[in-house]
Amino acid sequence: MAKTSCDMCVNYIYDEDYECFTCLVNLDEDEMYRFLSGNQRECPYFRMDDEYGVVRHQM
């Protein structure tokens, strides 16, 4: 499987309070360990940020 990029994920948003990008997904302790250690190849919560998906659905 290909490695996913957080930059293209719908869950990766800019937090104006902290002035940085953050992930909306709350990882549990095991998931966070796998993420920080680099053992997990792909995020199970990744969803492509498709801005035009709603428009295509309406057509």
PDB file of N, CA and C in Angstrom:
ATOM      1  N   MET A   1       0.829  -1.194   0.000  1.00  0.00           N
ATOM      2  CA  MET A   1       0.000   0.000   0.000  1.00  0.00           C
ATOM      3  C   MET A   1       0.867   1.249   0.000  1.00  0.00           C
ATOM      4  N   ALA A   2       0.353   2.251  -0.656  1.00  0.00           N
ATOM      5  CA  ALA A   2       1.078   3.518  -0.708  1.00  0.00           C
ATOM      6  C   ALA A   2       0.879   4.304   0.582  1.00  0.00           C
ATOM      7  N   LYS A   3       1.872   5.041   0.921  1.00  0.00           N
ATOM      8  CA  LYS A   3       1.790   5.882   2.113  1.00  0.00           C
ATOM      9  C   LYS A   3       0.937   7.107   1.799  1.00  0.00           C
ATOM     10  N   THR A   4       0.011   7.442   2.690  1.00  0.00           N
ATOM     11  CA  THR A   4      -0.873   8.582   2.464  1.00  0.00           C
ATOM     12  C   THR A   4      -0.270   9.846   3.052  1.00  0.00           C
ATOM     13  N   SER A   5      -0.713  10.974   2.539  1.00  0.00           N
ATOM     14  CA  SER A   5      -0.219  12.259   2.994  1.00  0.00           C
ATOM     15  C   SER A   5      -1.315  12.972   3.769  1.00  0.00           C
ATOM     16  N   CYS A   6      -0.998  13.446   4.952  1.00  0.00           N
ATOM     17  CA  CYS A   6      -1.975  14.175   5.763  1.00  0.00           C
ATOM     18  C   CYS A   6      -2.427  15.452   5.076  1.00  0.00           C
ATOM     19  N   ASP A   7      -1.565  16.029   4.244  1.00  0.00           N
ATOM     20  CA  ASP A   7      -1.909  17.276   3.560  1.00  0.00           C
ATOM     21  C   ASP A   7      -3.129  17.120   2.662  1.00  0.00           C
ATOM     22  N   MET A   8      -3.402  15.928   2.185  1.00  0.00           N
ATOM     23  CA  MET A   8      -4.517  15.698   1.274  1.00  0.00           C
ATOM     24  C   MET A   8      -5.736  15.107   1.984  1.00  0.00           C
ATOM     25  N   CYS A   9      -5.707  15.015   3.293  1.00  0.00           N
ATOM     26  CA  CYS A   9      -6.781  14.377   4.056  1.00  0.00           C
ATOM     27  C   CYS A   9      -7.821  15.405   4.495  1.00  0.00           C
ATOM     28  N   VAL A  10      -9.086  15.010   4.476  1.00  0.00           N
ATOM     29  CA  VAL A  10     -10.178  15.885   4.893  1.00  0.00           C
ATOM     30  C   VAL A  10     -10.143  16.141   6.404  1.00  0.00           C
ATOM     31  N   ASN A  11      -9.497  15.279   7.163  1.00  0.00           N
ATOM     32  CA  ASN A  11      -9.409  15.419   8.617  1.00  0.00           C
ATOM     33  C   ASN A  11      -8.289  16.356   9.065  1.00  0.00           C
ATOM     34  N   TYR A  12      -7.457  16.792   8.162  1.00  0.00           N
ATOM     35  CA  TYR A  12      -6.292  17.638   8.474  1.00  0.00           C
ATOM     36  C   TYR A  12      -6.680  19.088   8.224  1.00  0.00           C
ATOM     37  N   ILE A  13      -6.953  19.843   9.278  1.00  0.00           N
ATOM     38  CA  ILE A  13      -7.467  21.209   9.141  1.00  0.00           C
ATOM     39  C   ILE A  13      -6.554  22.199   9.862  1.00  0.00           C
ATOM     40  N   TYR A  14      -6.704  23.459   9.504  1.00  0.00           N
ATOM     41  CA  TYR A  14      -5.944  24.530  10.147  1.00  0.00           C
ATOM     42  C   TYR A  14      -6.677  24.974  11.401  1.00  0.00           C
ATOM     43  N   ASP A  15      -6.006  24.947  12.533  1.00  0.00           N
ATOM     44  CA  ASP A  15      -6.575  25.371  13.810  1.00  0.00           C
ATOM     45  C   ASP A  15      -6.121  26.805  14.073  1.00  0.00           C
ATOM     46  N   GLU A  16      -7.072  27.729  14.019  1.00  0.00           N
ATOM     47  CA  GLU A  16      -6.730  29.144  14.188  1.00  0.00           C
ATOM     48  C   GLU A  16      -6.290  29.473  15.618  1.00  0.00           C
ATOM     49  N   ASP A  17      -6.769  28.724  16.604  1.00  0.00           N
ATOM     50  CA  ASP A  17      -6.353  28.975  17.986  1.00  0.00           C
ATOM     51  C   ASP A  17      -4.873  28.682  18.194  1.00  0.00           C
ATOM     52  N   TYR A  18      -4.392  27.558  17.631  1.00  0.00           N
ATOM     53  CA  TYR A  18      -2.989  27.166  17.787  1.00  0.00           C
ATOM     54  C   TYR A  18      -2.117  27.625  16.621  1.00  0.00           C
ATOM     55  N   GLU A  19      -2.744  28.154  15.564  1.00  0.00           N
ATOM     56  CA  GLU A  19      -2.056  28.624  14.372  1.00  0.00           C
ATOM     57  C   GLU A  19      -1.187  27.548  13.723  1.00  0.00           C
ATOM     58  N   CYS A  20      -1.764  26.359  13.597  1.00  0.00           N
ATOM     59  CA  CYS A  20      -1.082  25.269  12.920  1.00  0.00           C
ATOM     60  C   CYS A  20      -2.122  24.262  12.423  1.00  0.00           C
ATOM     61  N   PHE A  21      -1.685  23.335  11.589  1.00  0.00           N
ATOM     62  CA  PHE A  21      -2.573  22.287  11.106  1.00  0.00           C
ATOM     63  C   PHE A  21      -2.645  21.155  12.124  1.00  0.00           C
ATOM     64  N   THR A  22      -3.840  20.599  12.309  1.00  0.00           N
ATOM     65  CA  THR A  22      -4.037  19.485  13.228  1.00  0.00           C
ATOM     66  C   THR A  22      -4.975  18.457  12.608  1.00  0.00           C
ATOM     67  N   CYS A  23      -4.927  17.268  13.124  1.00  0.00           N
ATOM     68  CA  CYS A  23      -5.798  16.186  12.679  1.00  0.00           C
ATOM     69  C   CYS A  23      -7.010  16.123  13.597  1.00  0.00           C
ATOM     70  N   LEU A  24      -8.192  15.985  12.993  1.00  0.00           N
ATOM     71  CA  LEU A  24      -9.427  15.922  13.772  1.00  0.00           C
ATOM     72  C   LEU A  24      -9.657  14.559  14.428  1.00  0.00           C
ATOM     73  N   VAL A  25      -8.957  13.543  13.968  1.00  0.00           N
ATOM     74  CA  VAL A  25      -9.149  12.184  14.470  1.00  0.00           C
ATOM     75  C   VAL A  25      -8.457  12.027  15.820  1.00  0.00           C
ATOM     76  N   ASN A  26      -9.190  11.550  16.803  1.00  0.00           N
ATOM     77  CA  ASN A  26      -8.614  11.279  18.119  1.00  0.00           C
ATOM     78  C   ASN A  26      -8.085   9.847  18.141  1.00  0.00           C
ATOM     79  N   LEU A  27      -6.768   9.718  18.083  1.00  0.00           N
ATOM     80  CA  LEU A  27      -6.148   8.394  18.093  1.00  0.00           C
ATOM     81  C   LEU A  27      -6.055   7.873  19.517  1.00  0.00           C
ATOM     82  N   ASP A  28      -6.265   6.557  19.663  1.00  0.00           N
ATOM     83  CA  ASP A  28      -6.071   5.988  20.989  1.00  0.00           C
ATOM     84  C   ASP A  28      -4.564   5.785  21.216  1.00  0.00           C
ATOM     85  N   GLU A  29      -4.209   5.292  22.361  1.00  0.00           N
ATOM     86  CA  GLU A  29      -2.793   5.200  22.743  1.00  0.00           C
ATOM     87  C   GLU A  29      -2.000   4.303  21.792  1.00  0.00           C
ATOM     88  N   ASP A  30      -2.554   3.163  21.408  1.00  0.00           N
ATOM     89  CA  ASP A  30      -1.858   2.242  20.509  1.00  0.00           C
ATOM     90  C   ASP A  30      -1.701   2.835  19.115  1.00  0.00           C
ATOM     91  N   GLU A  31      -2.750   3.468  18.600  1.00  0.00           N
ATOM     92  CA  GLU A  31      -2.673   4.078  17.285  1.00  0.00           C
ATOM     93  C   GLU A  31      -1.652   5.215  17.264  1.00  0.00           C
ATOM     94  N   MET A  32      -1.626   6.001  18.319  1.00  0.00           N
ATOM     95  CA  MET A  32      -0.672   7.108  18.398  1.00  0.00           C
ATOM     96  C   MET A  32       0.761   6.579  18.438  1.00  0.00           C
ATOM     97  N   TYR A  33       0.999   5.492  19.160  1.00  0.00           N
ATOM     98  CA  TYR A  33       2.338   4.900  19.209  1.00  0.00           C
ATOM     99  C   TYR A  33       2.768   4.444  17.816  1.00  0.00           C
ATOM    100  N   ARG A  34       1.873   3.737  17.104  1.00  0.00           N
ATOM    101  CA  ARG A  34       2.205   3.265  15.752  1.00  0.00           C
ATOM    102  C   ARG A  34       2.463   4.445  14.819  1.00  0.00           C
ATOM    103  N   PHE A  35       1.691   5.506  14.962  1.00  0.00           N
ATOM    104  CA  PHE A  35       1.863   6.684  14.112  1.00  0.00           C
ATOM    105  C   PHE A  35       3.209   7.356  14.374  1.00  0.00           C
ATOM    106  N   LEU A  36       3.545   7.583  15.636  1.00  0.00           N
ATOM    107  CA  LEU A  36       4.790   8.273  15.985  1.00  0.00           C
ATOM    108  C   LEU A  36       6.027   7.429  15.720  1.00  0.00           C
ATOM    109  N   SER A  37       5.905   6.109  15.839  1.00  0.00           N
ATOM    110  CA  SER A  37       7.064   5.250  15.623  1.00  0.00           C
ATOM    111  C   SER A  37       7.294   4.947  14.142  1.00  0.00           C
ATOM    112  N   GLY A  38       6.299   5.241  13.292  1.00  0.00           N
ATOM    113  CA  GLY A  38       6.451   4.992  11.862  1.00  0.00           C
ATOM    114  C   GLY A  38       6.171   3.566  11.460  1.00  0.00           C
ATOM    115  N   ASN A  39       5.601   2.757  12.346  1.00  0.00           N
ATOM    116  CA  ASN A  39       5.313   1.357  12.040  1.00  0.00           C
ATOM    117  C   ASN A  39       4.067   1.189  11.179  1.00  0.00           C
ATOM    118  N   GLN A  40       3.204   2.167  11.169  1.00  0.00           N
ATOM    119  CA  GLN A  40       1.971   2.055  10.403  1.00  0.00           C
ATOM    120  C   GLN A  40       2.188   2.678   9.030  1.00  0.00           C
ATOM    121  N   ARG A  41       1.921   1.930   7.973  1.00  0.00           N
ATOM    122  CA  ARG A  41       2.202   2.405   6.618  1.00  0.00           C
ATOM    123  C   ARG A  41       1.127   3.342   6.090  1.00  0.00           C
ATOM    124  N   GLU A  42      -0.118   3.166   6.523  1.00  0.00           N
ATOM    125  CA  GLU A  42      -1.204   3.976   5.996  1.00  0.00           C
ATOM    126  C   GLU A  42      -2.199   4.292   7.097  1.00  0.00           C
ATOM    127  N   CYS A  43      -2.699   5.509   7.120  1.00  0.00           N
ATOM    128  CA  CYS A  43      -3.674   5.919   8.129  1.00  0.00           C
ATOM    129  C   CYS A  43      -5.032   5.283   7.823  1.00  0.00           C
ATOM    130  N   PRO A  44      -5.630   4.608   8.792  1.00  0.00           N
ATOM    131  CA  PRO A  44      -6.939   3.992   8.542  1.00  0.00           C
ATOM    132  C   PRO A  44      -8.072   5.010   8.455  1.00  0.00           C
ATOM    133  N   TYR A  45      -7.830   6.233   8.856  1.00  0.00           N
ATOM    134  CA  TYR A  45      -8.867   7.274   8.844  1.00  0.00           C
ATOM    135  C   TYR A  45      -8.716   8.243   7.672  1.00  0.00           C
ATOM    136  N   PHE A  46      -7.786   7.959   6.773  1.00  0.00           N
ATOM    137  CA  PHE A  46      -7.528   8.854   5.652  1.00  0.00           C
ATOM    138  C   PHE A  46      -8.731   8.888   4.712  1.00  0.00           C
ATOM    139  N   ARG A  47      -9.163  10.116   4.382  1.00  0.00           N
ATOM    140  CA  ARG A  47     -10.198  10.344   3.363  1.00  0.00           C
ATOM    141  C   ARG A  47      -9.709  11.490   2.499  1.00  0.00           C
ATOM    142  N   MET A  48      -9.713  11.282   1.197  1.00  0.00           N
ATOM    143  CA  MET A  48      -9.230  12.295   0.269  1.00  0.00           C
ATOM    144  C   MET A  48     -10.092  13.540   0.365  1.00  0.00           C
ATOM    145  N   ASP A  49      -9.438  14.686   0.461  1.00  0.00           N
ATOM    146  CA  ASP A  49     -10.136  15.967   0.523  1.00  0.00           C
ATOM    147  C   ASP A  49     -10.546  16.352  -0.887  1.00  0.00           C
ATOM    148  N   ASP A  50     -11.790  16.034  -1.243  1.00  0.00           N
ATOM    149  CA  ASP A  50     -12.304  16.282  -2.581  1.00  0.00           C
ATOM    150  C   ASP A  50     -13.305  17.425  -2.523  1.00  0.00           C
ATOM    151  N   GLU A  51     -12.837  18.634  -2.825  1.00  0.00           N
ATOM    152  CA  GLU A  51     -13.677  19.823  -2.737  1.00  0.00           C
ATOM    153  C   GLU A  51     -14.843  19.780  -3.716  1.00  0.00           C
ATOM    154  N   TYR A  52     -14.689  19.082  -4.819  1.00  0.00           N
ATOM    155  CA  TYR A  52     -15.716  19.064  -5.849  1.00  0.00           C
ATOM    156  C   TYR A  52     -16.652  17.857  -5.737  1.00  0.00           C
ATOM    157  N   GLY A  53     -16.505  17.054  -4.722  1.00  0.00           N
ATOM    158  CA  GLY A  53     -17.348  15.871  -4.549  1.00  0.00           C
ATOM    159  C   GLY A  53     -18.813  16.206  -4.390  1.00  0.00           C
ATOM    160  N   VAL A  54     -19.120  17.258  -3.656  1.00  0.00           N
ATOM    161  CA  VAL A  54     -20.507  17.665  -3.450  1.00  0.00           C
ATOM    162  C   VAL A  54     -21.120  18.141  -4.762  1.00  0.00           C
ATOM    163  N   VAL A  55     -20.337  18.863  -5.541  1.00  0.00           N
ATOM    164  CA  VAL A  55     -20.839  19.368  -6.829  1.00  0.00           C
ATOM    165  C   VAL A  55     -21.138  18.218  -7.772  1.00  0.00           C
ATOM    166  N   ARG A  56     -20.259  17.231  -7.841  1.00  0.00           N
ATOM    167  CA  ARG A  56     -20.491  16.073  -8.688  1.00  0.00           C
ATOM    168  C   ARG A  56     -21.731  15.307  -8.254  1.00  0.00           C
ATOM    169  N   HIS A  57     -21.951  15.256  -6.961  1.00  0.00           N
ATOM    170  CA  HIS A  57     -23.125  14.544  -6.435  1.00  0.00           C
ATOM    171  C   HIS A  57     -24.421  15.269  -6.816  1.00  0.00           C
ATOM    172  N   GLN A  58     -24.397  16.576  -6.904  1.00  0.00           N
ATOM    173  CA  GLN A  58     -25.589  17.349  -7.225  1.00  0.00           C
ATOM    174  C   GLN A  58     -25.930  17.290  -8.700  1.00  0.00           C
ATOM    175  N   MET A  59     -24.978  16.961  -9.567  1.00  0.00           N
ATOM    176  CA  MET A  59     -25.224  16.950 -11.015  1.00  0.00           C
ATOM    177  C   MET A  59     -26.018  15.752 -11.454  1.00  0.00           C
TER     178      MET A  59
END
